[in-house]
Amino acid sequence: MSMEAARELTSVSRRTCTEENVRSAPIPNEIVAASIALRRVLGQAEVVAPTDAVVLIQGETGTGKELVAREVHNLSSRRQRPFIKLNCAAIPADLLESELFGHERGAFTGAVGQRLGRFEVANGGTLFLDEVGEIPLELQPKLLRVLQEEEFERLGSSRTIKVDVRVIAATNRNLLRMVQEERFRDDLYYRLNVFPIHVPPLRERPEDIPALVQHFVDRFARRMNRSIEVIPNEVIETMQRCAWPGNVRELANLIERAVILSAGPTLDVPIAELEQSGSLVARRNGTVTLAQIERARIVAVLEEANWLIAGPRGAAAHLGMKRTTLQSLIKRLEIMRPVGRYAASAEPCVAPCHPPCPSHQWS
């Protein structure tokens, strides 16, 4: 491992081992469940929580998979022990092994001291592996071993360490398809898939939207010292017809923006923006497919963001999803930037454009 990679590991460690990642006691959950579909999810969480079975939570980005994982932890006998989370997609591949299993002093260039990995820190508690589908193939056998044998070695050490950790994994990828494409080990998949929980997307549970809107209005109004007393019915009805590709995270971002825009006691939501996707969903049972609905919504947001994806004013932030997730959607839905439309930023272009703009970089 290079000195540069080692410095990056130190930086990542400082960012990720903060208080928000290590919880010694349960925290209040924020799951708002009015729909039968989401209540079924919570019922599954309640059933599996008393056991130590591995749980695999699947669902689209922004559906609340981490909240479900916390619910499982909080209902378990480990609730007074640490809840450690790790986003596997946020750690560079060559640093992930050390992040999970730790390292000894001198294990690689720049390893100036011993460091505990997440499995050791989570000992006795729960380890939540978000975006588990991003773990490199070469690291998967070591993860499989610790799941099966509850033991591992730190990088640079031959001493075997025993741990007692409950693992909850989450992904927005189709792991079974990845297994078929030989991009994910089948034995690891079956070991993770002991108790699968699927969190449905927001468009499949519109009855949750009124309660979610009220929840987010209360949260952001309190934070901004605002008083929002009226939420127009037509706003709720329009929201219930939307596709919400960014799911609950996108809804939360929209409500936060609406609270900022609201000068009086009535919630001021940019209704015209919602109508564009809402009218399409109303024709879902006709000739318009779900992919077309999702595509239209993303194109509308890209237009609003001047085809900029990354950054606080980019489309990814507006939709409440990661930049890489939005890039994958753009590629899958074959969205192309119109001729002559370049991102209004000095940042490199990250969305496909036709013809390619002068600063275009594929990623």
Protein backbone atom coordinates (compact mmCIF):
# COMPACT_ATOMS: atom_id res chain seq x y z
CA MET A 1 0.00 0.00 0.00
CA SER A 2 1.40 3.41 -0.95
CA MET A 3 2.03 6.32 1.42
CA GLU A 4 -0.76 8.24 -0.31
CA ALA A 5 -3.19 5.37 0.28
CA ALA A 6 -2.11 5.17 3.91
CA ARG A 7 -2.75 8.88 4.41
CA GLU A 8 -6.16 8.45 2.83
CA LEU A 9 -6.88 5.55 5.19
CA THR A 10 -6.06 7.75 8.19
CA SER A 11 -8.38 10.43 6.83
CA VAL A 12 -11.16 7.94 6.20
CA SER A 13 -10.74 6.46 9.67
CA ARG A 14 -11.09 9.85 11.32
CA ARG A 15 -14.21 10.60 9.33
CA THR A 16 -15.91 7.25 9.81
CA CYS A 17 -15.12 6.40 13.44
CA THR A 18 -17.01 9.40 14.77
CA GLU A 19 -19.75 9.35 17.39
CA GLU A 20 -22.51 9.04 14.81
CA ASN A 21 -21.10 5.66 13.76
CA VAL A 22 -20.72 4.24 17.28
CA ARG A 23 -23.89 4.04 19.33
CA SER A 24 -23.72 2.43 22.76
CA ALA A 25 -27.46 2.76 23.33
CA PRO A 26 -30.55 2.67 21.15
CA ILE A 27 -31.69 5.93 19.56
CA PRO A 28 -35.30 6.86 18.77
CA ASN A 29 -36.32 5.46 15.40
CA GLU A 30 -37.91 7.70 12.78
CA ILE A 31 -39.76 5.12 10.70
CA VAL A 32 -43.13 6.50 9.67
CA ALA A 33 -45.31 3.54 8.71
CA ALA A 34 -48.91 4.12 7.69
CA SER A 35 -48.98 1.60 4.82
CA ILE A 36 -49.54 -2.13 5.11
CA ALA A 37 -46.37 -2.73 3.06
CA LEU A 38 -44.10 -0.88 5.50
CA ARG A 39 -45.85 -2.32 8.54
CA ARG A 40 -45.09 -5.73 7.10
CA VAL A 41 -41.41 -4.75 6.94
CA LEU A 42 -41.48 -3.68 10.60
CA GLY A 43 -43.18 -6.95 11.45
CA GLN A 44 -40.35 -8.85 9.80
CA ALA A 45 -37.81 -6.77 11.72
CA GLU A 46 -39.58 -7.60 14.99
CA VAL A 47 -39.57 -11.33 14.18
CA VAL A 48 -35.86 -11.57 13.34
CA ALA A 49 -34.54 -9.09 15.95
CA PRO A 50 -34.35 -11.52 18.94
CA THR A 51 -32.18 -13.92 16.92
CA ASP A 52 -28.59 -13.45 15.81
CA ALA A 53 -29.40 -14.31 12.18
CA VAL A 54 -27.75 -12.32 9.40
CA VAL A 55 -30.26 -9.92 7.81
CA LEU A 56 -30.09 -8.71 4.20
CA ILE A 57 -32.10 -5.53 3.62
CA GLN A 58 -32.79 -4.82 -0.04
CA GLY A 59 -34.43 -1.82 -1.65
CA GLU A 60 -33.86 1.20 -3.82
CA THR A 61 -31.70 4.09 -2.69
CA GLY A 62 -33.40 6.41 -0.22
CA THR A 63 -36.02 3.93 1.03
CA GLY A 64 -34.75 3.86 4.63
CA LYS A 65 -32.74 0.65 4.79
CA GLU A 66 -30.51 1.97 7.58
CA LEU A 67 -33.57 2.84 9.69
CA VAL A 68 -34.79 -0.73 9.31
CA ALA A 69 -31.35 -2.00 10.36
CA ARG A 70 -31.45 0.22 13.44
CA GLU A 71 -34.93 -1.08 14.22
CA VAL A 72 -33.63 -4.67 14.17
CA HIS A 73 -30.75 -3.66 16.45
CA ASN A 74 -32.95 -1.69 18.86
CA LEU A 75 -35.37 -4.61 19.23
CA SER A 76 -32.57 -7.13 19.83
CA SER A 77 -30.77 -8.19 22.99
CA ARG A 78 -27.74 -6.25 21.68
CA ARG A 79 -29.50 -2.88 21.84
CA GLN A 80 -27.26 -1.64 24.68
CA ARG A 81 -24.16 -2.58 22.68
CA PRO A 82 -22.60 -0.65 19.76
CA PHE A 83 -24.35 -0.22 16.42
CA ILE A 84 -21.47 0.27 13.96
CA LYS A 85 -22.17 1.23 10.36
CA LEU A 86 -19.93 1.16 7.32
CA ASN A 87 -20.79 2.30 3.82
CA CYS A 88 -18.76 -0.09 1.69
CA ALA A 89 -19.16 2.15 -1.37
CA ALA A 90 -17.60 5.13 0.41
CA ILE A 91 -14.27 3.42 1.16
CA PRO A 92 -11.68 2.90 -1.61
CA ALA A 93 -11.33 -0.79 -2.48
CA ASP A 94 -7.68 -1.01 -1.38
CA LEU A 95 -8.54 0.45 2.04
CA LEU A 96 -11.68 -1.57 2.77
CA GLU A 97 -9.91 -4.64 4.20
CA SER A 98 -8.12 -2.55 6.81
CA GLU A 99 -11.35 -0.68 7.58
CA LEU A 100 -13.19 -3.96 8.22
CA PHE A 101 -10.50 -6.04 9.91
CA GLY A 102 -7.90 -3.56 11.16
CA HIS A 103 -4.11 -3.66 10.81
CA GLU A 104 -0.92 -3.95 12.83
CA ARG A 105 1.89 -1.45 12.97
CA GLY A 106 4.11 -1.85 9.90
CA ALA A 107 1.51 -3.88 7.98
CA PHE A 108 2.03 -1.51 5.06
CA THR A 109 3.82 1.73 4.30
CA GLY A 110 2.39 4.41 6.54
CA ALA A 111 0.86 2.03 9.12
CA VAL A 112 2.49 3.74 12.10
CA GLY A 113 0.31 2.08 14.73
CA GLN A 114 -2.17 -0.67 15.42
CA ARG A 115 -5.75 0.00 14.37
CA LEU A 116 -8.93 -1.88 15.23
CA GLY A 117 -11.28 -2.75 12.39
CA ARG A 118 -15.06 -2.42 12.42
CA PHE A 119 -15.60 -6.05 13.39
CA GLU A 120 -13.58 -5.59 16.58
CA VAL A 121 -15.24 -2.27 17.41
CA ALA A 122 -18.67 -3.90 16.94
CA ASN A 123 -17.83 -6.90 19.15
CA GLY A 124 -20.91 -7.77 21.18
CA GLY A 125 -23.09 -5.49 19.07
CA THR A 126 -24.25 -5.06 15.49
CA LEU A 127 -22.30 -4.24 12.33
CA PHE A 128 -24.32 -2.66 9.54
CA LEU A 129 -22.68 -3.10 6.13
CA ASP A 130 -24.38 -0.69 3.74
CA GLU A 131 -23.87 -1.12 -0.02
CA VAL A 132 -22.52 -4.62 0.56
CA GLY A 133 -22.65 -5.30 -3.18
CA GLU A 134 -19.67 -2.95 -3.61
CA ILE A 135 -17.26 -5.20 -1.70
CA PRO A 136 -14.54 -6.37 -4.12
CA LEU A 137 -14.48 -10.04 -5.11
CA GLU A 138 -11.01 -10.55 -3.66
CA LEU A 139 -12.17 -9.42 -0.20
CA GLN A 140 -15.39 -11.46 -0.14
CA PRO A 141 -13.79 -14.76 1.03
CA LYS A 142 -12.48 -13.03 4.17
CA LEU A 143 -15.93 -11.59 4.89
CA LEU A 144 -17.46 -15.03 4.34
CA ARG A 145 -15.03 -16.55 6.82
CA VAL A 146 -15.84 -14.10 9.61
CA LEU A 147 -19.57 -14.68 9.02
CA GLN A 148 -19.16 -18.45 9.24
CA GLU A 149 -16.34 -18.89 11.75
CA GLU A 150 -16.60 -15.58 13.67
CA GLU A 151 -12.85 -15.13 13.41
CA PHE A 152 -10.27 -13.24 11.33
CA GLU A 153 -6.74 -11.81 11.39
CA ARG A 154 -5.75 -8.18 11.20
CA LEU A 155 -3.61 -7.10 8.27
CA GLY A 156 0.01 -7.84 9.13
CA SER A 157 -0.82 -10.31 11.90
CA SER A 158 -1.09 -14.09 12.16
CA ARG A 159 -3.05 -13.98 15.43
CA THR A 160 -6.64 -15.10 15.04
CA ILE A 161 -9.23 -12.84 16.67
CA LYS A 162 -12.63 -14.19 17.75
CA VAL A 163 -15.63 -11.83 17.65
CA ASP A 164 -19.33 -11.97 18.48
CA VAL A 165 -20.99 -9.65 15.97
CA ARG A 166 -24.48 -9.59 14.48
CA VAL A 167 -24.22 -8.55 10.81
CA ILE A 168 -26.94 -6.67 8.96
CA ALA A 169 -26.22 -5.97 5.30
CA ALA A 170 -28.02 -3.69 2.86
CA THR A 171 -27.88 -3.09 -0.87
CA ASN A 172 -29.79 -1.44 -3.69
CA ARG A 173 -28.26 -3.90 -6.18
CA ASN A 174 -29.66 -7.19 -7.43
CA LEU A 175 -27.16 -9.51 -5.75
CA LEU A 176 -28.59 -12.64 -7.34
CA ARG A 177 -27.99 -11.15 -10.78
CA MET A 178 -24.47 -10.21 -9.70
CA VAL A 179 -23.93 -13.84 -8.66
CA GLN A 180 -25.09 -15.00 -12.09
CA GLU A 181 -22.72 -12.50 -13.70
CA GLU A 182 -19.89 -13.78 -11.43
CA ARG A 183 -19.46 -10.38 -9.81
CA PHE A 184 -20.51 -11.61 -6.36
CA ARG A 185 -19.68 -14.94 -4.68
CA ASP A 186 -22.64 -17.31 -4.49
CA ASP A 187 -21.58 -18.72 -1.09
CA LEU A 188 -21.39 -15.21 0.39
CA TYR A 189 -24.76 -14.32 -1.10
CA TYR A 190 -26.44 -17.34 0.51
CA ARG A 191 -24.72 -16.59 3.82
CA LEU A 192 -26.00 -13.00 3.77
CA ASN A 193 -29.47 -13.94 2.54
CA VAL A 194 -30.46 -15.85 5.68
CA PHE A 195 -33.33 -13.45 6.44
CA PRO A 196 -34.09 -11.08 3.55
CA ILE A 197 -36.18 -7.96 4.07
CA HIS A 198 -37.35 -5.92 1.07
CA VAL A 199 -38.13 -2.25 1.69
CA PRO A 200 -40.66 -1.15 -0.96
CA PRO A 201 -40.09 2.11 -2.87
CA LEU A 202 -42.18 5.14 -1.96
CA ARG A 203 -44.20 4.99 -5.20
CA GLU A 204 -45.60 1.61 -4.07
CA ARG A 205 -46.82 2.96 -0.74
CA PRO A 206 -48.36 6.40 -1.40
CA GLU A 207 -50.46 6.09 1.76
CA ASP A 208 -47.23 6.79 3.73
CA ILE A 209 -46.77 10.19 2.09
CA PRO A 210 -49.18 12.33 4.22
CA ALA A 211 -47.56 11.12 7.46
CA LEU A 212 -44.06 11.49 6.02
CA VAL A 213 -44.76 15.03 4.84
CA GLN A 214 -46.06 16.00 8.29
CA HIS A 215 -43.04 14.36 9.92
CA PHE A 216 -40.54 16.25 7.76
CA VAL A 217 -42.44 19.54 8.03
CA ASP A 218 -42.34 19.27 11.83
CA ARG A 219 -38.65 18.40 11.81
CA PHE A 220 -37.46 21.15 9.46
CA ALA A 221 -39.81 23.82 10.81
CA ARG A 222 -38.52 23.18 14.33
CA ARG A 223 -34.93 23.29 13.11
CA MET A 224 -35.51 26.58 11.24
CA ASN A 225 -37.73 28.10 13.93
CA ARG A 226 -40.66 28.30 11.50
CA SER A 227 -44.37 27.74 12.12
CA ILE A 228 -46.02 25.69 9.33
CA GLU A 229 -49.65 24.95 10.18
CA VAL A 230 -51.27 24.24 6.79
CA ILE A 231 -50.33 21.62 4.20
CA PRO A 232 -52.65 21.99 1.17
CA ASN A 233 -54.54 18.81 0.21
CA GLU A 234 -53.72 19.28 -3.48
CA VAL A 235 -50.02 19.18 -2.61
CA ILE A 236 -50.42 15.84 -0.83
CA GLU A 237 -52.51 14.43 -3.69
CA THR A 238 -49.91 15.47 -6.26
CA MET A 239 -47.11 13.97 -4.18
CA GLN A 240 -49.00 10.68 -4.02
CA ARG A 241 -48.96 10.51 -7.82
CA CYS A 242 -45.20 11.08 -8.12
CA ALA A 243 -42.65 8.44 -9.07
CA TRP A 244 -40.04 9.51 -6.46
CA PRO A 245 -36.90 7.84 -7.91
CA GLY A 246 -35.00 9.16 -4.88
CA ASN A 247 -37.71 7.79 -2.56
CA VAL A 248 -38.03 9.12 1.01
CA ARG A 249 -34.70 10.96 0.79
CA GLU A 250 -35.94 12.92 -2.22
CA LEU A 251 -39.21 13.70 -0.44
CA ALA A 252 -37.29 14.94 2.62
CA ASN A 253 -35.14 17.22 0.46
CA LEU A 254 -38.22 18.65 -1.25
CA ILE A 255 -39.96 19.35 2.07
CA GLU A 256 -36.84 21.01 3.47
CA ARG A 257 -36.73 23.29 0.44
CA ALA A 258 -40.46 23.98 0.77
CA VAL A 259 -40.09 24.97 4.44
CA ILE A 260 -37.31 27.37 3.47
CA LEU A 261 -39.54 28.91 0.76
CA SER A 262 -42.60 29.20 3.02
CA ALA A 263 -42.96 32.77 4.26
CA GLY A 264 -46.22 32.17 6.12
CA PRO A 265 -48.06 29.36 7.92
CA THR A 266 -48.87 27.49 4.67
CA LEU A 267 -46.36 25.06 3.20
CA ASP A 268 -45.17 26.46 -0.14
CA VAL A 269 -44.27 23.48 -2.33
CA PRO A 270 -43.11 23.99 -5.96
CA ILE A 271 -46.22 22.26 -7.27
CA ALA A 272 -45.41 22.78 -10.97
CA GLU A 273 -42.28 20.69 -10.54
CA LEU A 274 -44.32 17.86 -9.06
CA GLU A 275 -47.07 17.98 -11.67
CA GLN A 276 -44.67 16.96 -14.41
CA SER A 277 -43.98 13.58 -12.82
CA GLY A 278 -47.39 13.29 -11.16
CA SER A 279 -49.35 13.37 -14.45
CA LEU A 280 -47.13 10.62 -15.85
CA VAL A 281 -47.76 8.33 -12.90
CA ALA A 282 -51.48 8.78 -13.35
CA ARG A 283 -51.08 7.11 -16.78
CA ARG A 284 -48.96 4.28 -15.37
CA ASN A 285 -51.56 1.64 -16.27
CA GLY A 286 -51.78 2.88 -19.84
CA THR A 287 -48.90 3.21 -22.24
CA VAL A 288 -46.36 4.75 -19.89
CA THR A 289 -43.99 2.30 -18.16
CA LEU A 290 -42.35 2.73 -14.76
CA ALA A 291 -38.98 3.18 -16.45
CA GLN A 292 -40.44 6.03 -18.53
CA ILE A 293 -41.83 7.64 -15.38
CA GLU A 294 -38.48 7.39 -13.66
CA ARG A 295 -36.71 8.67 -16.77
CA ALA A 296 -39.00 11.68 -17.10
CA ARG A 297 -38.51 12.64 -13.47
CA ILE A 298 -34.71 12.41 -13.68
CA VAL A 299 -34.60 14.37 -16.94
CA ALA A 300 -36.75 17.10 -15.36
CA VAL A 301 -34.39 17.38 -12.39
CA LEU A 302 -31.32 17.36 -14.67
CA GLU A 303 -32.85 20.20 -16.68
CA GLU A 304 -33.48 22.17 -13.51
CA ALA A 305 -29.86 21.60 -12.43
CA ASN A 306 -28.52 22.59 -15.89
CA TRP A 307 -27.35 18.98 -16.35
CA LEU A 308 -24.97 19.19 -13.40
CA ILE A 309 -24.93 15.98 -11.37
CA ALA A 310 -22.44 16.44 -8.52
CA GLY A 311 -22.23 19.16 -5.88
CA PRO A 312 -24.82 20.77 -3.60
CA ARG A 313 -26.73 22.23 -6.58
CA GLY A 314 -26.48 19.09 -8.69
CA ALA A 315 -29.27 16.72 -9.64
CA ALA A 316 -28.03 13.95 -7.30
CA ALA A 317 -28.43 16.17 -4.24
CA HIS A 318 -31.87 17.27 -5.45
CA LEU A 319 -33.01 13.66 -5.88
CA GLY A 320 -31.52 12.62 -2.57
CA MET A 321 -29.21 9.97 -4.00
CA LYS A 322 -25.51 9.38 -4.40
CA ARG A 323 -23.78 10.71 -7.51
CA THR A 324 -22.74 7.19 -8.53
CA THR A 325 -26.33 5.94 -8.14
CA LEU A 326 -27.64 8.69 -10.39
CA GLN A 327 -24.91 7.99 -12.94
CA SER A 328 -25.97 4.34 -13.01
CA LEU A 329 -29.61 5.34 -13.53
CA ILE A 330 -28.65 7.73 -16.33
CA LYS A 331 -26.73 4.96 -18.05
CA ARG A 332 -29.47 2.35 -17.53
CA LEU A 333 -32.25 4.66 -18.73
CA GLU A 334 -30.12 5.84 -21.68
CA ILE A 335 -30.51 9.51 -20.83
CA MET A 336 -28.48 11.76 -23.12
CA ARG A 337 -27.84 15.45 -22.68
CA PRO A 338 -29.38 17.48 -25.54
CA VAL A 339 -27.10 19.01 -28.15
CA GLY A 340 -25.48 22.21 -26.93
CA ARG A 341 -26.46 21.76 -23.26
CA TYR A 342 -23.35 21.73 -21.05
CA ALA A 343 -23.24 21.65 -17.28
CA ALA A 344 -23.19 25.19 -15.89
CA SER A 345 -20.06 24.51 -13.89
CA ALA A 346 -16.31 24.24 -14.27
CA GLU A 347 -16.59 20.65 -13.01
CA PRO A 348 -16.02 17.85 -15.54
CA CYS A 349 -19.13 16.56 -17.27
CA VAL A 350 -20.35 13.37 -15.61
CA ALA A 351 -23.59 12.77 -17.52
CA PRO A 352 -23.56 11.30 -21.04
CA CYS A 353 -23.97 14.04 -23.59
CA HIS A 354 -24.42 14.07 -27.33
CA PRO A 355 -22.24 15.20 -28.91
CA PRO A 356 -19.59 14.97 -26.15
CA CYS A 357 -18.80 18.34 -24.62
CA PRO A 358 -15.18 19.59 -24.59
CA SER A 359 -14.64 18.64 -20.93
CA HIS A 360 -16.45 15.29 -21.11
CA GLN A 361 -15.17 12.53 -18.86
CA TRP A 362 -16.80 9.10 -18.79
CA SER A 363 -17.27 7.57 -15.35
